[in-house]
């Protein structure tokens, strides 16, 4: 019997832990520091499922009717 994954649900957008290289590019593009990003709790069910740790940044990819795909970034906090 296969365990249910939250990420398999159609309403949950794709979540992925960003590499340091990709994070540097995003922060430079928006001219901000990592601490200025919106936050997400480490005990969020999707964050637990992907194994993100406090201090890491998660990239969320949502479908958009106007842009095709939209990207959101969240700093994982305790």
PDB file of N, CA and C in Angstrom:
ATOM      1  N   UNK A   1       0.838  -1.175   0.000  1.00  0.00           N
ATOM      2  CA  UNK A   1       0.000   0.000   0.000  1.00  0.00           C
ATOM      3  C   UNK A   1       0.888   1.245   0.000  1.00  0.00           C
ATOM      4  N   UNK A   2       0.633   2.139  -0.921  1.00  0.00           N
ATOM      5  CA  UNK A   2       1.437   3.345  -1.078  1.00  0.00           C
ATOM      6  C   UNK A   2       0.952   4.444  -0.144  1.00  0.00           C
ATOM      7  N   UNK A   3       1.902   5.139   0.478  1.00  0.00           N
ATOM      8  CA  UNK A   3       1.572   6.247   1.364  1.00  0.00           C
ATOM      9  C   UNK A   3       1.108   7.439   0.523  1.00  0.00           C
ATOM     10  N   UNK A   4       0.085   8.133   0.992  1.00  0.00           N
ATOM     11  CA  UNK A   4      -0.427   9.311   0.301  1.00  0.00           C
ATOM     12  C   UNK A   4       0.581  10.453   0.417  1.00  0.00           C
ATOM     13  N   UNK A   5       0.838  11.117  -0.698  1.00  0.00           N
ATOM     14  CA  UNK A   5       1.736  12.266  -0.704  1.00  0.00           C
ATOM     15  C   UNK A   5       0.925  13.537  -0.928  1.00  0.00           C
ATOM     16  N   UNK A   6       1.149  14.522  -0.076  1.00  0.00           N
ATOM     17  CA  UNK A   6       0.463  15.806  -0.247  1.00  0.00           C
ATOM     18  C   UNK A   6       0.772  16.413  -1.615  1.00  0.00           C
ATOM     19  N   UNK A   7       1.987  16.199  -2.098  1.00  0.00           N
ATOM     20  CA  UNK A   7       2.411  16.796  -3.366  1.00  0.00           C
ATOM     21  C   UNK A   7       1.690  16.192  -4.571  1.00  0.00           C
ATOM     22  N   UNK A   8       1.031  15.043  -4.377  1.00  0.00           N
ATOM     23  CA  UNK A   8       0.268  14.428  -5.463  1.00  0.00           C
ATOM     24  C   UNK A   8      -1.102  15.073  -5.640  1.00  0.00           C
ATOM     25  N   UNK A   9      -1.531  15.874  -4.665  1.00  0.00           N
ATOM     26  CA  UNK A   9      -2.854  16.496  -4.739  1.00  0.00           C
ATOM     27  C   UNK A   9      -2.828  17.653  -5.717  1.00  0.00           C
ATOM     28  N   UNK A  10      -3.874  17.781  -6.528  1.00  0.00           N
ATOM     29  CA  UNK A  10      -3.921  18.796  -7.579  1.00  0.00           C
ATOM     30  C   UNK A  10      -3.913  20.230  -7.061  1.00  0.00           C
ATOM     31  N   UNK A  11      -4.331  20.447  -5.822  1.00  0.00           N
ATOM     32  CA  UNK A  11      -4.372  21.805  -5.282  1.00  0.00           C
ATOM     33  C   UNK A  11      -3.070  22.233  -4.601  1.00  0.00           C
ATOM     34  N   UNK A  12      -2.131  21.311  -4.432  1.00  0.00           N
ATOM     35  CA  UNK A  12      -0.849  21.639  -3.801  1.00  0.00           C
ATOM     36  C   UNK A  12       0.162  21.942  -4.909  1.00  0.00           C
ATOM     37  N   UNK A  13       0.689  23.176  -4.934  1.00  0.00           N
ATOM     38  CA  UNK A  13       1.669  23.506  -5.971  1.00  0.00           C
ATOM     39  C   UNK A  13       3.005  22.809  -5.711  1.00  0.00           C
ATOM     40  N   UNK A  14       3.854  22.806  -6.727  1.00  0.00           N
ATOM     41  CA  UNK A  14       5.165  22.183  -6.619  1.00  0.00           C
ATOM     42  C   UNK A  14       6.033  22.978  -5.641  1.00  0.00           C
ATOM     43  N   UNK A  15       6.650  22.279  -4.695  1.00  0.00           N
ATOM     44  CA  UNK A  15       7.564  22.880  -3.719  1.00  0.00           C
ATOM     45  C   UNK A  15       8.923  22.221  -3.918  1.00  0.00           C
ATOM     46  N   UNK A  16       9.996  23.025  -3.929  1.00  0.00           N
ATOM     47  CA  UNK A  16      11.332  22.456  -4.016  1.00  0.00           C
ATOM     48  C   UNK A  16      12.313  23.316  -3.242  1.00  0.00           C
ATOM     49  N   UNK A  17      13.287  22.656  -2.625  1.00  0.00           N
ATOM     50  CA  UNK A  17      14.319  23.362  -1.875  1.00  0.00           C
ATOM     51  C   UNK A  17      15.298  23.961  -2.888  1.00  0.00           C
ATOM     52  N   UNK A  18      15.600  25.246  -2.721  1.00  0.00           N
ATOM     53  CA  UNK A  18      16.479  25.924  -3.667  1.00  0.00           C
ATOM     54  C   UNK A  18      17.949  25.654  -3.347  1.00  0.00           C
ATOM     55  N   UNK A  19      18.749  25.584  -4.400  1.00  0.00           N
ATOM     56  CA  UNK A  19      20.197  25.480  -4.220  1.00  0.00           C
ATOM     57  C   UNK A  19      20.723  26.865  -3.858  1.00  0.00           C
ATOM     58  N   UNK A  20      21.901  26.913  -3.249  1.00  0.00           N
ATOM     59  CA  UNK A  20      22.501  28.198  -2.868  1.00  0.00           C
ATOM     60  C   UNK A  20      22.735  29.068  -4.103  1.00  0.00           C
ATOM     61  N   UNK A  21      23.127  28.447  -5.207  1.00  0.00           N
ATOM     62  CA  UNK A  21      23.394  29.183  -6.456  1.00  0.00           C
ATOM     63  C   UNK A  21      22.117  29.852  -6.975  1.00  0.00           C
ATOM     64  N   UNK A  22      21.022  29.084  -7.031  1.00  0.00           N
ATOM     65  CA  UNK A  22      19.746  29.637  -7.499  1.00  0.00           C
ATOM     66  C   UNK A  22      19.242  30.723  -6.561  1.00  0.00           C
ATOM     67  N   UNK A  23      19.436  30.522  -5.258  1.00  0.00           N
ATOM     68  CA  UNK A  23      19.001  31.502  -4.267  1.00  0.00           C
ATOM     69  C   UNK A  23      19.745  32.829  -4.454  1.00  0.00           C
ATOM     70  N   UNK A  24      21.050  32.765  -4.661  1.00  0.00           N
ATOM     71  CA  UNK A  24      21.839  33.983  -4.885  1.00  0.00           C
ATOM     72  C   UNK A  24      21.311  34.755  -6.085  1.00  0.00           C
ATOM     73  N   UNK A  25      20.962  34.046  -7.152  1.00  0.00           N
ATOM     74  CA  UNK A  25      20.437  34.679  -8.359  1.00  0.00           C
ATOM     75  C   UNK A  25      19.124  35.396  -8.070  1.00  0.00           C
ATOM     76  N   UNK A  26      18.219  34.747  -7.356  1.00  0.00           N
ATOM     77  CA  UNK A  26      16.913  35.332  -7.036  1.00  0.00           C
ATOM     78  C   UNK A  26      17.070  36.559  -6.133  1.00  0.00           C
ATOM     79  N   UNK A  27      17.900  36.441  -5.097  1.00  0.00           N
ATOM     80  CA  UNK A  27      18.096  37.558  -4.178  1.00  0.00           C
ATOM     81  C   UNK A  27      18.708  38.761  -4.896  1.00  0.00           C
ATOM     82  N   UNK A  28      19.634  38.489  -5.808  1.00  0.00           N
ATOM     83  CA  UNK A  28      20.248  39.572  -6.575  1.00  0.00           C
ATOM     84  C   UNK A  28      19.225  40.213  -7.512  1.00  0.00           C
ATOM     85  N   UNK A  29      18.392  39.386  -8.150  1.00  0.00           N
ATOM     86  CA  UNK A  29      17.383  39.879  -9.084  1.00  0.00           C
ATOM     87  C   UNK A  29      16.406  40.832  -8.382  1.00  0.00           C
ATOM     88  N   UNK A  30      16.003  40.500  -7.157  1.00  0.00           N
ATOM     89  CA  UNK A  30      15.050  41.322  -6.416  1.00  0.00           C
ATOM     90  C   UNK A  30      15.735  42.335  -5.491  1.00  0.00           C
ATOM     91  N   UNK A  31      17.072  42.275  -5.426  1.00  0.00           N
ATOM     92  CA  UNK A  31      17.864  43.187  -4.605  1.00  0.00           C
ATOM     93  C   UNK A  31      17.402  43.168  -3.140  1.00  0.00           C
ATOM     94  N   UNK A  32      17.293  41.955  -2.591  1.00  0.00           N
ATOM     95  CA  UNK A  32      16.859  41.771  -1.203  1.00  0.00           C
ATOM     96  C   UNK A  32      17.781  40.790  -0.494  1.00  0.00           C
ATOM     97  N   UNK A  33      17.656  40.725   0.818  1.00  0.00           N
ATOM     98  CA  UNK A  33      18.356  39.726   1.614  1.00  0.00           C
ATOM     99  C   UNK A  33      17.430  38.550   1.889  1.00  0.00           C
ATOM    100  N   UNK A  34      18.016  37.433   2.245  1.00  0.00           N
ATOM    101  CA  UNK A  34      17.250  36.207   2.506  1.00  0.00           C
ATOM    102  C   UNK A  34      16.178  36.422   3.578  1.00  0.00           C
ATOM    103  N   UNK A  35      16.497  37.200   4.602  1.00  0.00           N
ATOM    104  CA  UNK A  35      15.556  37.434   5.705  1.00  0.00           C
ATOM    105  C   UNK A  35      14.350  38.283   5.293  1.00  0.00           C
ATOM    106  N   UNK A  36      14.420  38.925   4.132  1.00  0.00           N
ATOM    107  CA  UNK A  36      13.304  39.749   3.662  1.00  0.00           C
ATOM    108  C   UNK A  36      12.244  38.932   2.917  1.00  0.00           C
ATOM    109  N   UNK A  37      12.533  37.677   2.650  1.00  0.00           N
ATOM    110  CA  UNK A  37      11.564  36.818   1.965  1.00  0.00           C
ATOM    111  C   UNK A  37      10.390  36.502   2.893  1.00  0.00           C
ATOM    112  N   UNK A  38       9.217  36.231   2.321  1.00  0.00           N
ATOM    113  CA  UNK A  38       8.098  35.759   3.152  1.00  0.00           C
ATOM    114  C   UNK A  38       8.500  34.447   3.830  1.00  0.00           C
ATOM    115  N   UNK A  39       7.885  34.150   4.950  1.00  0.00           N
ATOM    116  CA  UNK A  39       8.273  32.991   5.763  1.00  0.00           C
ATOM    117  C   UNK A  39       7.256  31.852   5.644  1.00  0.00           C
ATOM    118  N   UNK A  40       7.755  30.651   5.956  1.00  0.00           N
ATOM    119  CA  UNK A  40       6.900  29.466   6.076  1.00  0.00           C
ATOM    120  C   UNK A  40       7.464  28.635   7.224  1.00  0.00           C
ATOM    121  N   UNK A  41       6.595  28.096   8.037  1.00  0.00           N
ATOM    122  CA  UNK A  41       7.024  27.346   9.227  1.00  0.00           C
ATOM    123  C   UNK A  41       7.580  25.968   8.860  1.00  0.00           C
ATOM    124  N   UNK A  42       8.587  25.555   9.609  1.00  0.00           N
ATOM    125  CA  UNK A  42       9.216  24.259   9.389  1.00  0.00           C
ATOM    126  C   UNK A  42       8.237  23.115   9.664  1.00  0.00           C
ATOM    127  N   UNK A  43       7.183  23.375  10.463  1.00  0.00           N
ATOM    128  CA  UNK A  43       6.208  22.321  10.749  1.00  0.00           C
ATOM    129  C   UNK A  43       5.032  22.301   9.775  1.00  0.00           C
ATOM    130  N   UNK A  44       5.104  23.105   8.701  1.00  0.00           N
ATOM    131  CA  UNK A  44       4.105  23.040   7.637  1.00  0.00           C
ATOM    132  C   UNK A  44       4.166  21.626   7.035  1.00  0.00           C
ATOM    133  N   UNK A  45       3.024  20.977   6.802  1.00  0.00           N
ATOM    134  CA  UNK A  45       3.042  19.598   6.305  1.00  0.00           C
ATOM    135  C   UNK A  45       3.832  19.391   5.007  1.00  0.00           C
ATOM    136  N   UNK A  46       3.741  20.313   4.065  1.00  0.00           N
ATOM    137  CA  UNK A  46       4.480  20.142   2.806  1.00  0.00           C
ATOM    138  C   UNK A  46       5.977  20.329   3.045  1.00  0.00           C
ATOM    139  N   UNK A  47       6.344  21.273   3.892  1.00  0.00           N
ATOM    140  CA  UNK A  47       7.756  21.496   4.215  1.00  0.00           C
ATOM    141  C   UNK A  47       8.343  20.246   4.876  1.00  0.00           C
ATOM    142  N   UNK A  48       7.577  19.626   5.761  1.00  0.00           N
ATOM    143  CA  UNK A  48       8.030  18.375   6.392  1.00  0.00           C
ATOM    144  C   UNK A  48       8.189  17.282   5.345  1.00  0.00           C
ATOM    145  N   UNK A  49       7.267  17.218   4.412  1.00  0.00           N
ATOM    146  CA  UNK A  49       7.320  16.158   3.403  1.00  0.00           C
ATOM    147  C   UNK A  49       8.536  16.278   2.487  1.00  0.00           C
ATOM    148  N   UNK A  50       8.905  17.505   2.122  1.00  0.00           N
ATOM    149  CA  UNK A  50      10.073  17.650   1.236  1.00  0.00           C
ATOM    150  C   UNK A  50      11.385  17.672   2.018  1.00  0.00           C
ATOM    151  N   UNK A  51      11.304  17.729   3.344  1.00  0.00           N
ATOM    152  CA  UNK A  51      12.504  17.650   4.179  1.00  0.00           C
ATOM    153  C   UNK A  51      13.283  18.947   4.289  1.00  0.00           C
ATOM    154  N   UNK A  52      12.622  20.083   4.090  1.00  0.00           N
ATOM    155  CA  UNK A  52      13.308  21.373   4.211  1.00  0.00           C
ATOM    156  C   UNK A  52      13.616  21.674   5.674  1.00  0.00           C
ATOM    157  N   UNK A  53      14.752  22.308   5.902  1.00  0.00           N
ATOM    158  CA  UNK A  53      15.203  22.643   7.242  1.00  0.00           C
ATOM    159  C   UNK A  53      15.142  24.155   7.458  1.00  0.00           C
ATOM    160  N   UNK A  54      15.137  24.568   8.719  1.00  0.00           N
ATOM    161  CA  UNK A  54      15.147  25.984   9.069  1.00  0.00           C
ATOM    162  C   UNK A  54      16.335  26.670   8.388  1.00  0.00           C
ATOM    163  N   UNK A  55      16.066  27.824   7.765  1.00  0.00           N
ATOM    164  CA  UNK A  55      17.115  28.573   7.081  1.00  0.00           C
ATOM    165  C   UNK A  55      17.179  28.321   5.595  1.00  0.00           C
ATOM    166  N   UNK A  56      16.551  27.243   5.120  1.00  0.00           N
ATOM    167  CA  UNK A  56      16.537  26.971   3.683  1.00  0.00           C
ATOM    168  C   UNK A  56      15.410  27.766   3.032  1.00  0.00           C
ATOM    169  N   UNK A  57      15.516  27.934   1.724  1.00  0.00           N
ATOM    170  CA  UNK A  57      14.483  28.657   0.976  1.00  0.00           C
ATOM    171  C   UNK A  57      13.800  27.672   0.037  1.00  0.00           C
ATOM    172  N   UNK A  58      12.481  27.745   0.000  1.00  0.00           N
ATOM    173  CA  UNK A  58      11.673  26.862  -0.833  1.00  0.00           C
ATOM    174  C   UNK A  58      11.092  27.671  -1.986  1.00  0.00           C
ATOM    175  N   UNK A  59      11.180  27.108  -3.193  1.00  0.00           N
ATOM    176  CA  UNK A  59      10.580  27.716  -4.386  1.00  0.00           C
ATOM    177  C   UNK A  59       9.257  27.003  -4.631  1.00  0.00           C
ATOM    178  N   UNK A  60       8.193  27.790  -4.743  1.00  0.00           N
ATOM    179  CA  UNK A  60       6.860  27.244  -4.978  1.00  0.00           C
ATOM    180  C   UNK A  60       6.443  27.660  -6.380  1.00  0.00           C
ATOM    181  N   UNK A  61       6.073  26.679  -7.202  1.00  0.00           N
ATOM    182  CA  UNK A  61       5.671  26.947  -8.580  1.00  0.00           C
ATOM    183  C   UNK A  61       4.178  26.718  -8.705  1.00  0.00           C
ATOM    184  N   UNK A  62       3.455  27.806  -8.967  1.00  0.00           N
ATOM    185  CA  UNK A  62       1.998  27.723  -9.113  1.00  0.00           C
ATOM    186  C   UNK A  62       1.618  27.971 -10.563  1.00  0.00           C
ATOM    187  N   UNK A  63       0.518  27.343 -10.971  1.00  0.00           N
ATOM    188  CA  UNK A  63      -0.018  27.602 -12.309  1.00  0.00           C
ATOM    189  C   UNK A  63      -0.726  28.951 -12.295  1.00  0.00           C
ATOM    190  N   UNK A  64      -0.543  29.714 -13.362  1.00  0.00           N
ATOM    191  CA  UNK A  64      -1.147  31.037 -13.470  1.00  0.00           C
ATOM    192  C   UNK A  64      -1.843  31.154 -14.817  1.00  0.00           C
ATOM    193  N   UNK A  65      -3.052  31.672 -14.808  1.00  0.00           N
ATOM    194  CA  UNK A  65      -3.788  31.833 -16.066  1.00  0.00           C
ATOM    195  C   UNK A  65      -3.147  32.882 -16.962  1.00  0.00           C
ATOM    196  N   UNK A  66      -2.513  33.877 -16.365  1.00  0.00           N
ATOM    197  CA  UNK A  66      -1.920  34.951 -17.163  1.00  0.00           C
ATOM    198  C   UNK A  66      -0.452  34.715 -17.500  1.00  0.00           C
ATOM    199  N   UNK A  67       0.314  34.147 -16.555  1.00  0.00           N
ATOM    200  CA  UNK A  67       1.753  33.995 -16.767  1.00  0.00           C
ATOM    201  C   UNK A  67       2.169  32.569 -17.101  1.00  0.00           C
ATOM    202  N   UNK A  68       1.251  31.630 -17.051  1.00  0.00           N
ATOM    203  CA  UNK A  68       1.606  30.228 -17.275  1.00  0.00           C
ATOM    204  C   UNK A  68       2.055  29.595 -15.970  1.00  0.00           C
ATOM    205  N   UNK A  69       3.192  30.073 -15.454  1.00  0.00           N
ATOM    206  CA  UNK A  69       3.687  29.637 -14.156  1.00  0.00           C
ATOM    207  C   UNK A  69       4.141  30.863 -13.377  1.00  0.00           C
ATOM    208  N   UNK A  70       3.911  30.854 -12.084  1.00  0.00           N
ATOM    209  CA  UNK A  70       4.361  31.941 -11.212  1.00  0.00           C
ATOM    210  C   UNK A  70       5.196  31.322 -10.098  1.00  0.00           C
ATOM    211  N   UNK A  71       6.271  32.010  -9.723  1.00  0.00           N
ATOM    212  CA  UNK A  71       7.190  31.496  -8.713  1.00  0.00           C
ATOM    213  C   UNK A  71       7.091  32.316  -7.439  1.00  0.00           C
ATOM    214  N   UNK A  72       7.096  31.618  -6.316  1.00  0.00           N
ATOM    215  CA  UNK A  72       7.039  32.233  -5.000  1.00  0.00           C
ATOM    216  C   UNK A  72       8.154  31.636  -4.170  1.00  0.00           C
ATOM    217  N   UNK A  73       8.732  32.437  -3.309  1.00  0.00           N
ATOM    218  CA  UNK A  73       9.866  31.991  -2.506  1.00  0.00           C
ATOM    219  C   UNK A  73       9.532  32.184  -1.037  1.00  0.00           C
ATOM    220  N   UNK A  74       9.864  31.178  -0.223  1.00  0.00           N
ATOM    221  CA  UNK A  74       9.582  31.237   1.208  1.00  0.00           C
ATOM    222  C   UNK A  74      10.804  30.782   1.994  1.00  0.00           C
ATOM    223  N   UNK A  75      11.144  31.538   3.030  1.00  0.00           N
ATOM    224  CA  UNK A  75      12.223  31.169   3.943  1.00  0.00           C
ATOM    225  C   UNK A  75      11.634  30.294   5.036  1.00  0.00           C
ATOM    226  N   UNK A  76      12.225  29.135   5.266  1.00  0.00           N
ATOM    227  CA  UNK A  76      11.731  28.212   6.287  1.00  0.00           C
ATOM    228  C   UNK A  76      12.234  28.666   7.652  1.00  0.00           C
ATOM    229  N   UNK A  77      11.281  28.847   8.579  1.00  0.00           N
ATOM    230  CA  UNK A  77      11.604  29.294   9.940  1.00  0.00           C
ATOM    231  C   UNK A  77      11.081  28.296  10.964  1.00  0.00           C
ATOM    232  N   UNK A  78      11.633  28.391  12.196  1.00  0.00           N
ATOM    233  CA  UNK A  78      11.226  27.486  13.277  1.00  0.00           C
ATOM    234  C   UNK A  78       9.940  27.852  13.881  1.00  0.00           C
TER     235      UNK A  78
END
